[in-house]
Amino acid sequence: MAVFDDGKDKGALRTIGEVAKATGIKAHVLRYWEQQFPMLKPLTRSGGRRYYRPEDIELIERIDRLVNREGYTLKGAKAALLGTPDQQAAVQEPVAAPPSGDLVRRLKAIRDDLKAALAA
C-alpha cells in the first residue's frame, strides 16, 4: 500500500507526482496506464492537472502487482481487472527456478569451450 508522508487526510486527492513518489511508479508510466486501462480515470482540473482519488491509487497498485510482480501482460492485466477470461493474454510463462549447481557447471564448461574455440 502506498505510504504518503504529506500530512494530508487519507482520503485526500493526490497529484501525479505524489502518487509517483509514494508508489515508486514513474509519472510517465502512470500516464501511459491511463491510456491502457480505461477504468483508471483520475480527476483532471484546468490545465490538465491530474488528481488521483484513493480508489485510483488502489487500482494503480493492483495494476502494478499484476504487471510487475505476477507477470501479466498489459492486455492480460486489463482482462483480469475486467474479469474477462483471456487465457492467451493473462499470464506470461512462469519464471523458472534458478538453475541447479550441476546445470551451472555444465554451462560454464560450454562457455569455456567456446572461449577456447574463439581463441584458437
Protein backbone atom coordinates (compact mmCIF):
# COMPACT_ATOMS: atom_id res chain seq x y z
CA MET A 1 0.00 0.00 0.00
CA ALA A 2 1.26 3.45 -0.90
CA VAL A 3 2.61 5.46 2.00
CA PHE A 4 2.05 9.22 1.85
CA ASP A 5 4.17 11.42 4.10
CA ASP A 6 2.47 14.69 3.24
CA GLY A 7 0.22 15.30 6.24
CA LYS A 8 -2.91 15.10 4.11
CA ASP A 9 -6.00 13.16 5.11
CA LYS A 10 -6.09 9.52 3.99
CA GLY A 11 -8.94 10.27 1.57
CA ALA A 12 -7.35 13.41 0.08
CA LEU A 13 -6.74 13.85 -3.62
CA ARG A 14 -3.13 13.38 -4.71
CA THR A 15 -1.20 14.79 -7.64
CA ILE A 16 0.56 12.53 -10.11
CA GLY A 17 3.90 13.49 -8.53
CA GLU A 18 2.71 12.49 -5.06
CA VAL A 19 1.37 9.17 -6.35
CA ALA A 20 4.56 8.51 -8.31
CA LYS A 21 6.72 9.17 -5.26
CA ALA A 22 4.59 7.04 -2.91
CA THR A 23 4.23 4.05 -5.26
CA GLY A 24 7.64 4.17 -6.93
CA ILE A 25 5.98 4.22 -10.36
CA LYS A 26 7.20 6.98 -12.65
CA ALA A 27 4.71 9.64 -13.73
CA HIS A 28 5.08 8.80 -17.44
CA VAL A 29 4.14 5.18 -16.66
CA LEU A 30 1.05 6.36 -14.78
CA ARG A 31 0.02 8.50 -17.75
CA TYR A 32 0.56 5.53 -20.09
CA TRP A 33 -1.52 3.26 -17.85
CA GLU A 34 -4.34 5.81 -18.03
CA GLN A 35 -4.37 5.21 -21.80
CA GLN A 36 -4.20 1.43 -21.48
CA PHE A 37 -6.67 0.93 -18.62
CA PRO A 38 -9.95 2.74 -19.29
CA MET A 39 -11.05 2.25 -15.68
CA LEU A 40 -8.14 4.41 -14.46
CA LYS A 41 -9.55 7.93 -14.73
CA PRO A 42 -8.12 10.48 -12.29
CA LEU A 43 -9.90 13.79 -11.91
CA THR A 44 -8.47 16.50 -14.13
CA ARG A 45 -8.63 20.20 -13.47
CA SER A 46 -7.98 23.11 -15.77
CA GLY A 47 -4.63 22.84 -17.44
CA GLY A 48 -4.85 19.04 -17.37
CA ARG A 49 -3.53 18.62 -13.83
CA ARG A 50 -4.37 15.15 -12.54
CA TYR A 51 -5.77 14.40 -9.11
CA TYR A 52 -5.92 10.78 -8.01
CA ARG A 53 -8.61 9.58 -5.60
CA PRO A 54 -7.85 6.80 -3.09
CA GLU A 55 -9.66 4.27 -5.33
CA ASP A 56 -7.46 5.35 -8.27
CA ILE A 57 -4.37 4.69 -6.16
CA GLU A 58 -5.69 1.25 -5.18
CA LEU A 59 -6.24 0.46 -8.86
CA ILE A 60 -2.71 1.62 -9.70
CA GLU A 61 -1.34 -0.71 -7.03
CA ARG A 62 -3.39 -3.62 -8.42
CA ILE A 63 -2.11 -2.93 -11.96
CA ASP A 64 1.46 -2.72 -10.65
CA ARG A 65 1.06 -6.04 -8.81
CA LEU A 66 -0.40 -7.79 -11.86
CA VAL A 67 2.14 -6.44 -14.35
CA ASN A 68 5.36 -6.13 -12.37
CA ARG A 69 5.04 -8.91 -9.79
CA GLU A 70 2.73 -11.54 -11.27
CA GLY A 71 3.98 -11.29 -14.86
CA TYR A 72 0.76 -10.29 -16.62
CA THR A 73 0.92 -8.50 -19.93
CA LEU A 74 -0.91 -5.17 -20.07
CA LYS A 75 -3.66 -6.87 -22.09
CA GLY A 76 -3.84 -9.69 -19.57
CA ALA A 77 -3.91 -7.31 -16.62
CA LYS A 78 -6.76 -5.37 -18.24
CA ALA A 79 -8.67 -8.63 -18.78
CA ALA A 80 -8.06 -9.68 -15.18
CA LEU A 81 -9.28 -6.34 -13.85
CA LEU A 82 -12.38 -6.50 -16.04
CA GLY A 83 -13.00 -10.13 -15.05
CA THR A 84 -12.81 -11.22 -18.68
CA PRO A 85 -11.12 -14.59 -19.21
CA ASP A 86 -8.42 -14.06 -21.81
CA GLN A 87 -6.17 -17.06 -21.41
CA GLN A 88 -3.66 -16.07 -24.10
CA ALA A 89 -3.04 -12.63 -22.63
CA ALA A 90 -3.48 -13.43 -18.96
CA VAL A 91 -0.10 -14.58 -17.71
CA GLN A 92 3.25 -14.99 -19.33
CA GLU A 93 5.23 -18.14 -18.73
CA PRO A 94 6.08 -18.55 -15.06
CA VAL A 95 9.58 -17.55 -14.10
CA ALA A 96 11.80 -20.60 -13.96
CA ALA A 97 13.63 -21.55 -10.81
CA PRO A 98 17.31 -20.67 -10.72
CA PRO A 99 19.47 -23.27 -12.44
CA SER A 100 20.84 -26.08 -10.32
CA GLY A 101 24.54 -26.33 -9.49
CA ASP A 102 25.05 -29.15 -12.00
CA LEU A 103 23.49 -27.14 -14.80
CA VAL A 104 25.61 -24.12 -13.93
CA ARG A 105 28.78 -26.24 -14.08
CA ARG A 106 27.79 -27.62 -17.49
CA LEU A 107 27.03 -24.16 -18.82
CA LYS A 108 30.36 -22.84 -17.58
CA ALA A 109 32.12 -25.74 -19.28
CA ILE A 110 30.37 -24.93 -22.55
CA ARG A 111 31.31 -21.27 -22.17
CA ASP A 112 34.95 -22.21 -21.56
CA ASP A 113 34.94 -24.48 -24.65
CA LEU A 114 33.53 -21.66 -26.78
CA LYS A 115 36.13 -19.21 -25.48
CA ALA A 116 38.90 -21.69 -26.28
CA ALA A 117 37.50 -22.22 -29.79
CA LEU A 118 37.40 -18.48 -30.41
CA ALA A 119 40.94 -18.03 -29.14
CA ALA A 120 42.30 -20.72 -31.48
